[in-house]
Amino acid sequence: MSTPPVRLLLVDDQPLIRAGLRLLAAEAPGLDVVGEAADGATAVALAEETRPDVVLMDVRMPGMDGIEATRRITTGPSGARVLVLTTFDDDENVYGALRAGASGFLVKDMDLDDILGAVRVVAGGDALIAPAVTSRLIAAFARQPDPDSAVPAVRPLPEAVTDREREVLTLVGRGLSNQEIAGELFISPATAKAHVARLLARLAARDRIHLVILAYEFGLVTPGR
């Protein structure tokens, strides 16, 4: 039996971006665009109506923004996973979007083929965040002075987390893969993967993206580290 196509919902207030993604997805095997939205409220409604597998979500849009839309979709009945689309220079709300349940973070200057590849990764149940993106998220985290912002204050690491797990969590927070973590700590990739799995369970994290967020919150990753 053939694998059903990934059902994709495009959300962006720029028609040209939606058009480019729609045209490329139409030519890509295994992808099916089931709807488009130019604002968060429409995205939430379409997610419930069309039940996409993945939502490509812009952050800054008129009316309901992408952060609130992400929160509503990921906690709603559609079961869709959200990939955030933004620009590095002006979006400091990406951390809030990840906190809201997004499974990944993409930038609009990426190649369209890479964006569609990321859609497949997230549809397969994985989370996606690149090291270069991680460094920018850390910088955005450090610039948040408002106590009411989406970024919470640093909190203590649970005592149940071992010293080795703390090291692994720090490296995950810096955006390293299991292979790279293994190289840093002189352990096997299988052992690194096992440590990550234990951290997911111990910290009740939904995925690797959530571990990155927790690394920020526990103060394990800061600018310059």
N, C-alpha and C. Protein backbone atom coordinates (compact mmCIF):
# COMPACT_ATOMS: atom_id res chain seq x y z
N MET A 1 0.83 -1.20 0.00
CA MET A 1 0.00 0.00 0.00
C MET A 1 0.87 1.25 0.00
N SER A 2 0.49 2.26 -0.80
CA SER A 2 1.28 3.48 -0.85
C SER A 2 0.99 4.34 0.37
N THR A 3 2.00 5.13 0.74
CA THR A 3 1.84 6.03 1.88
C THR A 3 0.96 7.21 1.49
N PRO A 4 -0.03 7.55 2.30
CA PRO A 4 -0.88 8.70 1.96
C PRO A 4 -0.06 9.99 1.97
N PRO A 5 -0.45 10.97 1.15
CA PRO A 5 0.32 12.22 1.11
C PRO A 5 0.21 13.00 2.41
N VAL A 6 1.23 13.81 2.67
CA VAL A 6 1.22 14.71 3.82
C VAL A 6 0.26 15.85 3.52
N ARG A 7 -0.72 16.03 4.37
CA ARG A 7 -1.70 17.10 4.20
C ARG A 7 -1.14 18.38 4.81
N LEU A 8 -1.06 19.43 3.99
CA LEU A 8 -0.34 20.64 4.37
C LEU A 8 -1.27 21.86 4.33
N LEU A 9 -1.24 22.65 5.40
CA LEU A 9 -1.97 23.91 5.45
C LEU A 9 -0.96 25.06 5.46
N LEU A 10 -1.10 26.00 4.53
CA LEU A 10 -0.18 27.13 4.40
C LEU A 10 -0.78 28.36 5.06
N VAL A 11 -0.03 28.99 5.97
CA VAL A 11 -0.53 30.16 6.69
C VAL A 11 0.50 31.28 6.60
N ASP A 12 0.19 32.33 5.86
CA ASP A 12 1.09 33.47 5.72
C ASP A 12 0.29 34.63 5.14
N ASP A 13 0.54 35.84 5.61
CA ASP A 13 -0.21 36.97 5.10
C ASP A 13 0.35 37.50 3.79
N GLN A 14 1.46 36.91 3.30
CA GLN A 14 2.04 37.33 2.03
C GLN A 14 1.63 36.35 0.93
N PRO A 15 0.78 36.77 0.01
CA PRO A 15 0.29 35.87 -1.04
C PRO A 15 1.40 35.24 -1.87
N LEU A 16 2.49 35.98 -2.11
CA LEU A 16 3.57 35.44 -2.94
C LEU A 16 4.23 34.24 -2.27
N ILE A 17 4.39 34.31 -0.95
CA ILE A 17 5.00 33.19 -0.25
C ILE A 17 4.08 31.98 -0.31
N ARG A 18 2.80 32.18 -0.09
CA ARG A 18 1.86 31.06 -0.18
C ARG A 18 1.85 30.48 -1.59
N ALA A 19 1.89 31.35 -2.58
CA ALA A 19 1.86 30.88 -3.96
C ALA A 19 3.10 30.05 -4.30
N GLY A 20 4.25 30.53 -3.85
CA GLY A 20 5.48 29.79 -4.13
C GLY A 20 5.47 28.42 -3.48
N LEU A 21 5.05 28.36 -2.23
CA LEU A 21 4.98 27.08 -1.54
C LEU A 21 3.95 26.16 -2.18
N ARG A 22 2.81 26.73 -2.56
CA ARG A 22 1.75 25.91 -3.16
C ARG A 22 2.21 25.30 -4.48
N LEU A 23 2.86 26.11 -5.32
CA LEU A 23 3.31 25.61 -6.61
C LEU A 23 4.37 24.52 -6.46
N LEU A 24 5.31 24.73 -5.52
CA LEU A 24 6.36 23.74 -5.32
C LEU A 24 5.78 22.46 -4.73
N ALA A 25 4.86 22.60 -3.79
CA ALA A 25 4.25 21.42 -3.18
C ALA A 25 3.47 20.62 -4.21
N ALA A 26 2.86 21.31 -5.18
CA ALA A 26 2.09 20.62 -6.21
C ALA A 26 2.98 19.73 -7.07
N GLU A 27 4.25 20.11 -7.19
CA GLU A 27 5.18 19.34 -8.00
C GLU A 27 5.95 18.29 -7.18
N ALA A 28 5.84 18.38 -5.86
CA ALA A 28 6.59 17.48 -4.99
C ALA A 28 5.77 16.23 -4.69
N PRO A 29 6.38 15.06 -4.76
CA PRO A 29 5.64 13.84 -4.44
C PRO A 29 5.30 13.76 -2.96
N GLY A 30 4.12 13.28 -2.66
CA GLY A 30 3.76 13.01 -1.27
C GLY A 30 3.29 14.20 -0.48
N LEU A 31 2.97 15.32 -1.14
CA LEU A 31 2.46 16.50 -0.44
C LEU A 31 1.14 16.94 -1.06
N ASP A 32 0.21 17.35 -0.22
CA ASP A 32 -1.10 17.78 -0.69
C ASP A 32 -1.52 19.02 0.11
N VAL A 33 -1.57 20.18 -0.55
CA VAL A 33 -2.00 21.41 0.12
C VAL A 33 -3.52 21.38 0.24
N VAL A 34 -3.98 21.38 1.49
CA VAL A 34 -5.42 21.26 1.73
C VAL A 34 -6.08 22.58 2.06
N GLY A 35 -5.28 23.66 2.18
CA GLY A 35 -5.87 24.95 2.48
C GLY A 35 -4.83 26.03 2.65
N GLU A 36 -5.27 27.28 2.60
CA GLU A 36 -4.40 28.44 2.81
C GLU A 36 -5.12 29.44 3.69
N ALA A 37 -4.34 30.17 4.48
CA ALA A 37 -4.91 31.20 5.35
C ALA A 37 -3.95 32.38 5.41
N ALA A 38 -4.51 33.58 5.55
CA ALA A 38 -3.70 34.80 5.63
C ALA A 38 -3.66 35.37 7.04
N ASP A 39 -4.30 34.70 8.00
CA ASP A 39 -4.28 35.16 9.38
C ASP A 39 -4.51 33.98 10.31
N GLY A 40 -4.23 34.19 11.59
CA GLY A 40 -4.30 33.10 12.55
C GLY A 40 -5.69 32.54 12.77
N ALA A 41 -6.68 33.42 12.82
CA ALA A 41 -8.04 32.96 13.09
C ALA A 41 -8.53 32.03 11.98
N THR A 42 -8.25 32.40 10.73
CA THR A 42 -8.63 31.55 9.61
C THR A 42 -7.86 30.23 9.66
N ALA A 43 -6.60 30.29 10.06
CA ALA A 43 -5.79 29.08 10.16
C ALA A 43 -6.38 28.09 11.16
N VAL A 44 -6.80 28.60 12.32
CA VAL A 44 -7.38 27.73 13.34
C VAL A 44 -8.65 27.07 12.81
N ALA A 45 -9.49 27.85 12.16
CA ALA A 45 -10.73 27.30 11.61
C ALA A 45 -10.45 26.26 10.54
N LEU A 46 -9.49 26.55 9.64
CA LEU A 46 -9.17 25.61 8.58
C LEU A 46 -8.52 24.34 9.11
N ALA A 47 -7.73 24.47 10.17
CA ALA A 47 -7.11 23.29 10.76
C ALA A 47 -8.17 22.32 11.28
N GLU A 48 -9.20 22.86 11.89
CA GLU A 48 -10.28 22.01 12.39
C GLU A 48 -11.09 21.42 11.24
N GLU A 49 -11.23 22.19 10.16
CA GLU A 49 -12.06 21.75 9.03
C GLU A 49 -11.34 20.73 8.16
N THR A 50 -10.05 20.99 7.86
CA THR A 50 -9.34 20.16 6.88
C THR A 50 -8.46 19.08 7.51
N ARG A 51 -8.18 19.18 8.80
CA ARG A 51 -7.35 18.22 9.52
C ARG A 51 -6.01 17.95 8.81
N PRO A 52 -5.18 18.99 8.65
CA PRO A 52 -3.87 18.78 8.01
C PRO A 52 -2.92 18.01 8.93
N ASP A 53 -1.89 17.45 8.33
CA ASP A 53 -0.84 16.82 9.12
C ASP A 53 0.13 17.88 9.65
N VAL A 54 0.42 18.87 8.81
CA VAL A 54 1.38 19.92 9.16
C VAL A 54 0.82 21.28 8.76
N VAL A 55 1.05 22.26 9.62
CA VAL A 55 0.70 23.66 9.32
C VAL A 55 1.99 24.46 9.24
N LEU A 56 2.22 25.11 8.10
CA LEU A 56 3.34 26.06 7.98
C LEU A 56 2.81 27.41 8.43
N MET A 57 3.32 27.91 9.55
CA MET A 57 2.71 29.04 10.26
C MET A 57 3.61 30.26 10.30
N ASP A 58 3.16 31.35 9.69
CA ASP A 58 3.83 32.64 9.84
C ASP A 58 3.62 33.14 11.27
N VAL A 59 4.49 34.03 11.76
CA VAL A 59 4.35 34.56 13.11
C VAL A 59 3.57 35.86 13.11
N ARG A 60 4.02 36.83 12.33
CA ARG A 60 3.41 38.15 12.36
C ARG A 60 2.35 38.27 11.26
N MET A 61 1.09 38.34 11.68
CA MET A 61 -0.03 38.46 10.76
C MET A 61 -1.07 39.37 11.38
N PRO A 62 -1.94 39.95 10.56
CA PRO A 62 -3.00 40.81 11.12
C PRO A 62 -3.98 39.99 11.94
N GLY A 63 -4.57 40.63 12.94
CA GLY A 63 -5.52 39.91 13.79
C GLY A 63 -4.79 38.93 14.70
N MET A 64 -5.25 37.72 14.75
CA MET A 64 -4.59 36.69 15.57
C MET A 64 -3.23 36.34 14.99
N ASP A 65 -2.17 36.45 15.80
CA ASP A 65 -0.84 36.15 15.30
C ASP A 65 -0.57 34.65 15.30
N GLY A 66 0.61 34.28 14.78
CA GLY A 66 0.94 32.87 14.65
C GLY A 66 1.15 32.16 15.97
N ILE A 67 1.55 32.89 17.01
CA ILE A 67 1.77 32.26 18.31
C ILE A 67 0.44 31.77 18.89
N GLU A 68 -0.54 32.63 18.91
CA GLU A 68 -1.84 32.23 19.45
C GLU A 68 -2.49 31.15 18.57
N ALA A 69 -2.34 31.30 17.26
CA ALA A 69 -2.89 30.28 16.37
C ALA A 69 -2.22 28.93 16.60
N THR A 70 -0.90 28.95 16.80
CA THR A 70 -0.18 27.70 17.08
C THR A 70 -0.70 27.07 18.36
N ARG A 71 -0.87 27.88 19.39
CA ARG A 71 -1.35 27.35 20.67
C ARG A 71 -2.73 26.69 20.50
N ARG A 72 -3.61 27.35 19.75
CA ARG A 72 -4.96 26.81 19.58
C ARG A 72 -4.97 25.55 18.73
N ILE A 73 -4.12 25.52 17.72
CA ILE A 73 -4.10 24.34 16.85
C ILE A 73 -3.49 23.14 17.56
N THR A 74 -2.37 23.35 18.27
CA THR A 74 -1.71 22.22 18.92
C THR A 74 -2.48 21.68 20.11
N THR A 75 -3.36 22.48 20.66
CA THR A 75 -4.18 22.01 21.77
C THR A 75 -5.59 21.64 21.32
N GLY A 76 -5.86 21.83 20.03
CA GLY A 76 -7.18 21.56 19.50
C GLY A 76 -7.34 20.15 18.99
N PRO A 77 -8.46 19.86 18.34
CA PRO A 77 -8.79 18.49 17.95
C PRO A 77 -8.15 18.02 16.65
N SER A 78 -7.49 18.93 15.90
CA SER A 78 -7.01 18.54 14.56
C SER A 78 -5.85 17.56 14.60
N GLY A 79 -5.03 17.63 15.67
CA GLY A 79 -3.84 16.77 15.74
C GLY A 79 -2.71 17.23 14.85
N ALA A 80 -2.83 18.43 14.26
CA ALA A 80 -1.80 18.93 13.34
C ALA A 80 -0.55 19.34 14.09
N ARG A 81 0.58 19.19 13.43
CA ARG A 81 1.84 19.69 13.94
C ARG A 81 2.16 21.00 13.22
N VAL A 82 2.83 21.92 13.92
CA VAL A 82 3.05 23.27 13.39
C VAL A 82 4.54 23.52 13.17
N LEU A 83 4.85 24.02 11.97
CA LEU A 83 6.18 24.51 11.65
C LEU A 83 6.10 26.03 11.53
N VAL A 84 6.89 26.73 12.34
CA VAL A 84 6.86 28.19 12.34
C VAL A 84 7.71 28.72 11.19
N LEU A 85 7.17 29.70 10.46
CA LEU A 85 7.89 30.41 9.41
C LEU A 85 8.07 31.86 9.83
N THR A 86 9.30 32.36 9.78
CA THR A 86 9.52 33.75 10.19
C THR A 86 10.79 34.28 9.54
N THR A 87 11.10 35.55 9.86
CA THR A 87 12.37 36.14 9.44
C THR A 87 13.22 36.37 10.67
N PHE A 88 14.54 36.21 10.51
CA PHE A 88 15.44 36.35 11.65
C PHE A 88 15.45 37.77 12.21
N ASP A 89 15.39 38.76 11.34
CA ASP A 89 15.70 40.11 11.77
C ASP A 89 14.64 40.77 12.64
N ASP A 90 13.37 40.37 12.47
CA ASP A 90 12.35 41.12 13.17
C ASP A 90 11.43 40.28 14.04
N ASP A 91 11.63 38.99 14.09
CA ASP A 91 10.73 38.15 14.88
C ASP A 91 11.42 37.66 16.14
N GLU A 92 11.03 38.23 17.28
CA GLU A 92 11.57 37.79 18.56
C GLU A 92 10.53 36.97 19.32
N ASN A 93 9.46 36.60 18.64
CA ASN A 93 8.40 35.85 19.28
C ASN A 93 8.46 34.36 18.97
N VAL A 94 9.54 33.93 18.33
CA VAL A 94 9.64 32.54 17.95
C VAL A 94 9.67 31.64 19.19
N TYR A 95 10.38 32.09 20.21
CA TYR A 95 10.42 31.31 21.45
C TYR A 95 9.00 31.07 21.97
N GLY A 96 8.18 32.11 21.90
CA GLY A 96 6.81 31.96 22.35
C GLY A 96 6.04 30.98 21.49
N ALA A 97 6.32 30.95 20.19
CA ALA A 97 5.65 29.99 19.31
C ALA A 97 6.05 28.56 19.65
N LEU A 98 7.31 28.36 19.95
CA LEU A 98 7.76 27.02 20.33
C LEU A 98 7.15 26.62 21.66
N ARG A 99 7.06 27.57 22.58
CA ARG A 99 6.39 27.30 23.84
C ARG A 99 4.92 26.94 23.62
N ALA A 100 4.35 27.50 22.57
CA ALA A 100 2.94 27.26 22.27
C ALA A 100 2.70 25.89 21.65
N GLY A 101 3.78 25.17 21.34
CA GLY A 101 3.62 23.80 20.85
C GLY A 101 4.14 23.53 19.46
N ALA A 102 4.81 24.51 18.83
CA ALA A 102 5.35 24.29 17.50
C ALA A 102 6.40 23.19 17.51
N SER A 103 6.47 22.44 16.43
CA SER A 103 7.42 21.33 16.32
C SER A 103 8.66 21.70 15.54
N GLY A 104 8.78 22.96 15.15
CA GLY A 104 9.97 23.35 14.42
C GLY A 104 9.95 24.82 14.07
N PHE A 105 11.07 25.26 13.54
CA PHE A 105 11.26 26.67 13.25
C PHE A 105 12.02 26.82 11.94
N LEU A 106 11.41 27.49 10.96
CA LEU A 106 12.02 27.70 9.66
C LEU A 106 12.11 29.19 9.39
N VAL A 107 13.04 29.58 8.52
CA VAL A 107 13.17 30.98 8.14
C VAL A 107 12.82 31.13 6.67
N LYS A 108 12.28 32.30 6.32
CA LYS A 108 11.73 32.49 4.99
C LYS A 108 12.79 32.57 3.90
N ASP A 109 14.07 32.76 4.27
CA ASP A 109 15.08 32.80 3.22
C ASP A 109 15.67 31.44 2.92
N MET A 110 15.11 30.39 3.53
CA MET A 110 15.53 29.03 3.19
C MET A 110 15.04 28.68 1.78
N ASP A 111 15.73 27.74 1.13
CA ASP A 111 15.25 27.23 -0.15
C ASP A 111 13.89 26.57 0.06
N LEU A 112 13.00 26.76 -0.91
CA LEU A 112 11.68 26.16 -0.79
C LEU A 112 11.75 24.64 -0.68
N ASP A 113 12.70 24.04 -1.38
CA ASP A 113 12.86 22.58 -1.29
C ASP A 113 13.19 22.16 0.13
N ASP A 114 14.02 22.95 0.83
CA ASP A 114 14.39 22.63 2.21
C ASP A 114 13.18 22.78 3.13
N ILE A 115 12.35 23.77 2.85
CA ILE A 115 11.15 23.95 3.66
C ILE A 115 10.22 22.75 3.51
N LEU A 116 10.03 22.29 2.28
CA LEU A 116 9.16 21.13 2.07
C LEU A 116 9.78 19.87 2.65
N GLY A 117 11.11 19.78 2.63
CA GLY A 117 11.77 18.65 3.29
C GLY A 117 11.51 18.66 4.78
N ALA A 118 11.51 19.86 5.38
CA ALA A 118 11.23 19.99 6.80
C ALA A 118 9.79 19.57 7.11
N VAL A 119 8.88 19.86 6.19
CA VAL A 119 7.48 19.44 6.37
C VAL A 119 7.41 17.93 6.51
N ARG A 120 8.15 17.22 5.67
CA ARG A 120 8.14 15.75 5.72
C ARG A 120 8.74 15.25 7.04
N VAL A 121 9.79 15.91 7.50
CA VAL A 121 10.42 15.51 8.77
C VAL A 121 9.42 15.64 9.92
N VAL A 122 8.75 16.76 9.99
CA VAL A 122 7.81 17.00 11.08
C VAL A 122 6.58 16.09 10.95
N ALA A 123 6.13 15.86 9.72
CA ALA A 123 4.99 14.97 9.52
C ALA A 123 5.31 13.56 9.99
N GLY A 124 6.60 13.19 9.92
CA GLY A 124 7.02 11.87 10.37
C GLY A 124 7.15 11.74 11.87
N GLY A 125 6.87 12.82 12.59
CA GLY A 125 6.88 12.77 14.05
C GLY A 125 8.10 13.37 14.70
N ASP A 126 9.05 13.87 13.91
CA ASP A 126 10.27 14.46 14.47
C ASP A 126 10.09 15.97 14.66
N ALA A 127 10.98 16.54 15.46
CA ALA A 127 11.03 17.99 15.62
C ALA A 127 12.23 18.52 14.85
N LEU A 128 12.19 19.78 14.48
CA LEU A 128 13.23 20.31 13.62
C LEU A 128 13.69 21.67 14.12
N ILE A 129 14.99 21.76 14.41
CA ILE A 129 15.58 23.05 14.75
C ILE A 129 17.06 23.00 14.39
N ALA A 130 17.53 24.00 13.69
CA ALA A 130 18.91 24.02 13.23
C ALA A 130 19.80 24.76 14.22
N PRO A 131 21.09 24.39 14.33
CA PRO A 131 21.99 25.09 15.26
C PRO A 131 22.04 26.59 15.04
N ALA A 132 22.04 27.05 13.79
CA ALA A 132 22.08 28.48 13.53
C ALA A 132 20.83 29.16 14.07
N VAL A 133 19.71 28.47 13.96
CA VAL A 133 18.46 29.01 14.49
C VAL A 133 18.52 29.04 16.00
N THR A 134 19.08 28.00 16.60
CA THR A 134 19.19 27.92 18.05
C THR A 134 19.93 29.13 18.61
N SER A 135 21.02 29.51 17.96
CA SER A 135 21.81 30.63 18.47
C SER A 135 21.00 31.92 18.44
N ARG A 136 20.18 32.10 17.43
CA ARG A 136 19.35 33.29 17.36
C ARG A 136 18.25 33.25 18.42
N LEU A 137 17.72 32.07 18.69
CA LEU A 137 16.71 31.94 19.73
C LEU A 137 17.30 32.28 21.09
N ILE A 138 18.53 31.85 21.32
CA ILE A 138 19.20 32.18 22.59
C ILE A 138 19.34 33.69 22.73
N ALA A 139 19.73 34.35 21.63
CA ALA A 139 19.88 35.80 21.68
C ALA A 139 18.54 36.47 21.95
N ALA A 140 17.48 35.99 21.31
CA ALA A 140 16.15 36.55 21.54
C ALA A 140 15.71 36.33 22.98
N PHE A 141 16.05 35.16 23.51
CA PHE A 141 15.74 34.84 24.91
C PHE A 141 16.41 35.85 25.84
N ALA A 142 17.66 36.18 25.55
CA ALA A 142 18.42 37.09 26.41
C ALA A 142 17.90 38.52 26.34
N ARG A 143 17.25 38.87 25.22
CA ARG A 143 16.77 40.24 25.05
C ARG A 143 15.41 40.48 25.66
N GLN A 144 14.80 39.45 26.27
CA GLN A 144 13.44 39.60 26.79
C GLN A 144 13.48 40.17 28.21
N PRO A 145 13.26 41.49 28.38
CA PRO A 145 13.30 42.08 29.72
C PRO A 145 11.95 42.06 30.43
N ASP A 146 10.89 41.82 29.67
CA ASP A 146 9.54 41.93 30.20
C ASP A 146 9.17 40.69 31.00
N PRO A 147 8.87 40.80 32.29
CA PRO A 147 8.52 39.62 33.09
C PRO A 147 7.24 38.95 32.61
N ASP A 148 6.44 39.68 31.83
CA ASP A 148 5.20 39.09 31.32
C ASP A 148 5.38 38.52 29.93
N SER A 149 6.62 38.46 29.46
CA SER A 149 6.86 37.93 28.12
C SER A 149 6.67 36.43 28.10
N ALA A 150 6.78 35.84 26.88
CA ALA A 150 6.58 34.40 26.73
C ALA A 150 7.71 33.60 27.35
N VAL A 151 8.83 34.25 27.66
CA VAL A 151 9.99 33.54 28.20
C VAL A 151 9.98 33.59 29.72
N PRO A 152 9.87 32.46 30.39
CA PRO A 152 9.81 32.47 31.84
C PRO A 152 11.18 32.68 32.46
N ALA A 153 11.21 32.99 33.76
CA ALA A 153 12.47 33.17 34.47
C ALA A 153 13.19 31.83 34.58
N VAL A 154 14.52 31.93 34.73
CA VAL A 154 15.32 30.72 34.88
C VAL A 154 14.88 29.97 36.14
N ARG A 155 14.73 28.67 36.03
CA ARG A 155 14.31 27.86 37.17
C ARG A 155 15.29 26.73 37.38
N PRO A 156 15.32 26.15 38.58
CA PRO A 156 16.32 25.12 38.87
C PRO A 156 16.06 23.83 38.12
N LEU A 157 17.15 23.16 37.78
CA LEU A 157 17.07 21.85 37.13
C LEU A 157 16.61 20.82 38.15
N PRO A 158 15.66 19.95 37.79
CA PRO A 158 15.21 18.93 38.75
C PRO A 158 16.36 18.07 39.28
N GLU A 159 16.31 17.73 40.55
CA GLU A 159 17.39 16.97 41.17
C GLU A 159 17.56 15.59 40.54
N ALA A 160 16.50 15.06 39.94
CA ALA A 160 16.58 13.73 39.35
C ALA A 160 17.48 13.68 38.12
N VAL A 161 17.76 14.84 37.51
CA VAL A 161 18.61 14.89 36.33
C VAL A 161 20.07 14.70 36.75
N THR A 162 20.73 13.71 36.16
CA THR A 162 22.12 13.41 36.51
C THR A 162 23.07 14.43 35.88
N ASP A 163 24.33 14.40 36.33
CA ASP A 163 25.33 15.30 35.77
C ASP A 163 25.50 15.06 34.27
N ARG A 164 25.54 13.78 33.87
CA ARG A 164 25.68 13.46 32.45
C ARG A 164 24.47 13.94 31.66
N GLU A 165 23.28 13.77 32.20
CA GLU A 165 22.08 14.23 31.52
C GLU A 165 22.07 15.75 31.40
N ARG A 166 22.61 16.41 32.42
CA ARG A 166 22.72 17.88 32.35
C ARG A 166 23.63 18.27 31.19
N GLU A 167 24.75 17.57 31.02
CA GLU A 167 25.65 17.85 29.91
C GLU A 167 24.94 17.64 28.58
N VAL A 168 24.20 16.55 28.48
CA VAL A 168 23.49 16.23 27.23
C VAL A 168 22.43 17.29 26.95
N LEU A 169 21.68 17.68 27.97
CA LEU A 169 20.64 18.68 27.79
C LEU A 169 21.23 20.01 27.34
N THR A 170 22.38 20.37 27.87
CA THR A 170 23.05 21.60 27.45
C THR A 170 23.39 21.56 25.97
N LEU A 171 23.89 20.41 25.52
CA LEU A 171 24.27 20.27 24.11
C LEU A 171 23.05 20.23 23.21
N VAL A 172 21.98 19.59 23.67
CA VAL A 172 20.72 19.63 22.92
C VAL A 172 20.25 21.07 22.78
N GLY A 173 20.36 21.84 23.87
CA GLY A 173 19.96 23.23 23.85
C GLY A 173 20.78 24.07 22.88
N ARG A 174 22.01 23.65 22.63
CA ARG A 174 22.84 24.35 21.66
C ARG A 174 22.58 23.90 20.23
N GLY A 175 21.65 22.95 20.06
CA GLY A 175 21.25 22.52 18.73
C GLY A 175 22.04 21.36 18.17
N LEU A 176 22.83 20.67 19.00
CA LEU A 176 23.63 19.56 18.50
C LEU A 176 22.79 18.31 18.27
N SER A 177 23.14 17.54 17.25
CA SER A 177 22.49 16.27 16.98
C SER A 177 23.05 15.21 17.93
N ASN A 178 22.43 14.03 17.94
CA ASN A 178 22.95 12.94 18.78
C ASN A 178 24.37 12.57 18.39
N GLN A 179 24.65 12.58 17.08
CA GLN A 179 26.00 12.27 16.60
C GLN A 179 27.00 13.30 17.12
N GLU A 180 26.63 14.56 17.08
CA GLU A 180 27.53 15.62 17.55
C GLU A 180 27.69 15.58 19.07
N ILE A 181 26.62 15.25 19.77
CA ILE A 181 26.70 15.11 21.23
C ILE A 181 27.67 13.98 21.58
N ALA A 182 27.57 12.88 20.85
CA ALA A 182 28.47 11.75 21.09
C ALA A 182 29.93 12.17 20.93
N GLY A 183 30.21 12.97 19.89
CA GLY A 183 31.57 13.43 19.68
C GLY A 183 32.06 14.35 20.78
N GLU A 184 31.19 15.22 21.25
CA GLU A 184 31.55 16.15 22.32
C GLU A 184 31.85 15.44 23.63
N LEU A 185 31.09 14.40 23.93
CA LEU A 185 31.18 13.73 25.23
C LEU A 185 31.95 12.42 25.18
N PHE A 186 32.46 12.07 24.00
CA PHE A 186 33.23 10.83 23.82
C PHE A 186 32.42 9.60 24.24
N ILE A 187 31.18 9.58 23.76
CA ILE A 187 30.31 8.43 23.98
C ILE A 187 29.78 7.98 22.62
N SER A 188 29.12 6.85 22.57
CA SER A 188 28.58 6.37 21.30
C SER A 188 27.28 7.11 20.97
N PRO A 189 26.94 7.21 19.68
CA PRO A 189 25.66 7.83 19.31
C PRO A 189 24.47 7.13 19.97
N ALA A 190 24.55 5.82 20.12
CA ALA A 190 23.46 5.09 20.77
C ALA A 190 23.30 5.52 22.22
N THR A 191 24.43 5.75 22.90
CA THR A 191 24.37 6.21 24.29
C THR A 191 23.81 7.62 24.36
N ALA A 192 24.22 8.47 23.43
CA ALA A 192 23.68 9.83 23.39
C ALA A 192 22.17 9.79 23.17
N LYS A 193 21.73 8.94 22.26
CA LYS A 193 20.29 8.81 21.99
C LYS A 193 19.55 8.33 23.23
N ALA A 194 20.16 7.41 23.97
CA ALA A 194 19.53 6.90 25.19
C ALA A 194 19.40 8.00 26.25
N HIS A 195 20.44 8.83 26.37
CA HIS A 195 20.37 9.94 27.32
C HIS A 195 19.25 10.91 26.95
N VAL A 196 19.12 11.20 25.65
CA VAL A 196 18.07 12.10 25.19
C VAL A 196 16.70 11.50 25.49
N ALA A 197 16.56 10.21 25.26
CA ALA A 197 15.29 9.54 25.54
C ALA A 197 14.93 9.61 27.02
N ARG A 198 15.94 9.43 27.88
CA ARG A 198 15.68 9.53 29.32
C ARG A 198 15.31 10.95 29.72
N LEU A 199 15.95 11.94 29.10
CA LEU A 199 15.59 13.32 29.40
C LEU A 199 14.16 13.63 28.97
N LEU A 200 13.75 13.12 27.83
CA LEU A 200 12.38 13.32 27.37
C LEU A 200 11.39 12.78 28.40
N ALA A 201 11.70 11.60 28.91
CA ALA A 201 10.80 10.98 29.89
C ALA A 201 10.88 11.68 31.24
N ARG A 202 12.11 11.98 31.69
CA ARG A 202 12.30 12.55 33.02
C ARG A 202 11.71 13.96 33.14
N LEU A 203 11.80 14.72 32.05
CA LEU A 203 11.33 16.10 32.07
C LEU A 203 9.94 16.25 31.45
N ALA A 204 9.33 15.12 31.08
CA ALA A 204 7.99 15.12 30.46
C ALA A 204 7.96 16.05 29.25
N ALA A 205 9.02 15.99 28.45
CA ALA A 205 9.12 16.83 27.26
C ALA A 205 8.44 16.14 26.09
N ARG A 206 7.75 16.92 25.25
CA ARG A 206 7.00 16.32 24.16
C ARG A 206 7.90 15.89 23.00
N ASP A 207 9.06 16.59 22.84
CA ASP A 207 9.96 16.27 21.74
C ASP A 207 11.28 17.02 21.97
N ARG A 208 12.18 16.92 20.99
CA ARG A 208 13.50 17.53 21.13
C ARG A 208 13.41 19.06 21.21
N ILE A 209 12.47 19.64 20.48
CA ILE A 209 12.27 21.09 20.55
C ILE A 209 11.97 21.51 21.98
N HIS A 210 11.13 20.74 22.64
CA HIS A 210 10.77 21.05 24.03
C HIS A 210 12.01 20.97 24.92
N LEU A 211 12.90 20.03 24.65
CA LEU A 211 14.14 19.95 25.43
C LEU A 211 14.99 21.21 25.22
N VAL A 212 15.03 21.73 24.00
CA VAL A 212 15.77 22.96 23.75
C VAL A 212 15.20 24.10 24.59
N ILE A 213 13.88 24.20 24.61
CA ILE A 213 13.22 25.24 25.42
C ILE A 213 13.57 25.08 26.89
N LEU A 214 13.52 23.85 27.38
CA LEU A 214 13.83 23.59 28.79
C LEU A 214 15.28 23.94 29.11
N ALA A 215 16.18 23.70 28.17
CA ALA A 215 17.58 24.06 28.39
C ALA A 215 17.72 25.55 28.61
N TYR A 216 16.94 26.37 27.87
CA TYR A 216 16.93 27.81 28.10
C TYR A 216 16.39 28.12 29.49
N GLU A 217 15.26 27.49 29.82
CA GLU A 217 14.58 27.81 31.08
C GLU A 217 15.42 27.43 32.29
N PHE A 218 16.20 26.38 32.18
CA PHE A 218 17.06 25.95 33.28
C PHE A 218 18.38 26.71 33.32
N GLY A 219 18.57 27.64 32.39
CA GLY A 219 19.79 28.44 32.38
C GLY A 219 21.02 27.70 31.89
N LEU A 220 20.82 26.59 31.18
CA LEU A 220 21.96 25.80 30.71
C LEU A 220 22.54 26.38 29.42
N VAL A 221 21.76 27.16 28.70
CA VAL A 221 22.21 27.75 27.45
C VAL A 221 21.98 29.24 27.53
N THR A 222 23.04 30.00 27.34
CA THR A 222 22.97 31.45 27.38
C THR A 222 23.80 32.02 26.24
N PRO A 223 23.63 33.27 25.86
CA PRO A 223 24.44 33.85 24.79
C PRO A 223 25.92 33.68 25.07
N GLY A 224 26.64 33.28 24.01
CA GLY A 224 28.08 33.10 24.14
C GLY A 224 28.48 31.71 24.58
N ARG A 225 27.48 30.83 24.88
CA ARG A 225 27.81 29.48 25.31
C ARG A 225 27.27 28.49 24.31
